[in-house]
Amino acid sequence: MGILKWALIFAVAALVAAVFGFGGMAEGFADIAQFLFVAFVVVAVIIGVLGLRAIKRVT
């Protein structure tokens, strides 16, 4: 949950910066939020695959 929390924080920071017109800052926050979101999805998929493999071994 930690990575997703940080992705949401940076996404909100990017939106706030975009509203106030801080172009470079908004772009930086958006890049960080996007990277963290992708990292969260990759980790979630890996954990899901490992969980399915563990269930198949038990049954």
C-alpha atoms as a PDB file:
ATOM      1  CA  MET A   1       0.000   0.000   0.000  1.00  0.00           C
ATOM      2  CA  GLY A   2       2.965   2.296   0.560  1.00  0.00           C
ATOM      3  CA  ILE A   3       3.891   2.700  -3.102  1.00  0.00           C
ATOM      4  CA  LEU A   4       0.281   3.383  -4.083  1.00  0.00           C
ATOM      5  CA  LYS A   5       0.019   5.999  -1.329  1.00  0.00           C
ATOM      6  CA  TRP A   6       3.071   7.834  -2.658  1.00  0.00           C
ATOM      7  CA  ALA A   7       1.774   7.609  -6.234  1.00  0.00           C
ATOM      8  CA  LEU A   8      -1.477   9.238  -5.135  1.00  0.00           C
ATOM      9  CA  ILE A   9       0.388  11.936  -3.170  1.00  0.00           C
ATOM     10  CA  PHE A  10       2.529  12.848  -6.188  1.00  0.00           C
ATOM     11  CA  ALA A  11      -0.517  12.754  -8.489  1.00  0.00           C
ATOM     12  CA  VAL A  12      -2.340  15.232  -6.235  1.00  0.00           C
ATOM     13  CA  ALA A  13       0.796  17.393  -6.005  1.00  0.00           C
ATOM     14  CA  ALA A  14       1.032  17.379  -9.818  1.00  0.00           C
ATOM     15  CA  LEU A  15      -2.605  18.443 -10.141  1.00  0.00           C
ATOM     16  CA  VAL A  16      -2.164  21.259  -7.612  1.00  0.00           C
ATOM     17  CA  ALA A  17       1.012  22.444  -9.338  1.00  0.00           C
ATOM     18  CA  ALA A  18      -0.734  22.309 -12.724  1.00  0.00           C
ATOM     19  CA  VAL A  19      -3.617  24.426 -11.434  1.00  0.00           C
ATOM     20  CA  PHE A  20      -1.189  27.079 -10.240  1.00  0.00           C
ATOM     21  CA  GLY A  21       0.789  26.945 -13.499  1.00  0.00           C
ATOM     22  CA  PHE A  22       4.085  25.535 -12.234  1.00  0.00           C
ATOM     23  CA  GLY A  23       4.910  23.714 -15.483  1.00  0.00           C
ATOM     24  CA  GLY A  24       8.235  22.112 -14.624  1.00  0.00           C
ATOM     25  CA  MET A  25       7.198  21.185 -11.108  1.00  0.00           C
ATOM     26  CA  ALA A  26       3.908  19.643 -12.288  1.00  0.00           C
ATOM     27  CA  GLU A  27       5.737  17.639 -14.930  1.00  0.00           C
ATOM     28  CA  GLY A  28       8.197  16.308 -12.361  1.00  0.00           C
ATOM     29  CA  PHE A  29       5.461  15.312  -9.925  1.00  0.00           C
ATOM     30  CA  ALA A  30       3.478  13.655 -12.720  1.00  0.00           C
ATOM     31  CA  ASP A  31       6.518  11.639 -13.824  1.00  0.00           C
ATOM     32  CA  ILE A  32       7.154  10.419 -10.276  1.00  0.00           C
ATOM     33  CA  ALA A  33       3.485   9.525  -9.763  1.00  0.00           C
ATOM     34  CA  GLN A  34       3.379   7.628 -13.054  1.00  0.00           C
ATOM     35  CA  PHE A  35       6.543   5.667 -12.217  1.00  0.00           C
ATOM     36  CA  LEU A  36       5.276   4.745  -8.753  1.00  0.00           C
ATOM     37  CA  PHE A  37       1.903   3.654 -10.156  1.00  0.00           C
ATOM     38  CA  VAL A  38       3.558   1.403 -12.747  1.00  0.00           C
ATOM     39  CA  ALA A  39       5.844  -0.035 -10.056  1.00  0.00           C
ATOM     40  CA  PHE A  40       2.779  -0.777  -7.889  1.00  0.00           C
ATOM     41  CA  VAL A  41       1.016  -2.557 -10.754  1.00  0.00           C
ATOM     42  CA  VAL A  42       4.108  -4.642 -11.567  1.00  0.00           C
ATOM     43  CA  VAL A  43       4.537  -5.680  -7.925  1.00  0.00           C
ATOM     44  CA  ALA A  44       0.817  -6.524  -7.661  1.00  0.00           C
ATOM     45  CA  VAL A  45       0.987  -8.726 -10.783  1.00  0.00           C
ATOM     46  CA  ILE A  46       4.102 -10.518  -9.518  1.00  0.00           C
ATOM     47  CA  ILE A  47       2.483 -11.176  -6.137  1.00  0.00           C
ATOM     48  CA  GLY A  48      -0.664 -12.438  -7.887  1.00  0.00           C
ATOM     49  CA  VAL A  49       1.304 -14.855 -10.068  1.00  0.00           C
ATOM     50  CA  LEU A  50       3.306 -16.129  -7.101  1.00  0.00           C
ATOM     51  CA  GLY A  51       0.091 -16.574  -5.124  1.00  0.00           C
ATOM     52  CA  LEU A  52      -1.502 -18.609  -7.915  1.00  0.00           C
ATOM     53  CA  ARG A  53       1.596 -20.799  -8.146  1.00  0.00           C
ATOM     54  CA  ALA A  54       1.520 -21.367  -4.384  1.00  0.00           C
ATOM     55  CA  ILE A  55      -2.165 -22.344  -4.497  1.00  0.00           C
ATOM     56  CA  LYS A  56      -1.515 -24.825  -7.317  1.00  0.00           C
ATOM     57  CA  ARG A  57       1.305 -26.438  -5.314  1.00  0.00           C
ATOM     58  CA  VAL A  58      -0.876 -26.869  -2.239  1.00  0.00           C
ATOM     59  CA  THR A  59      -3.853 -28.373  -4.064  1.00  0.00           C
END
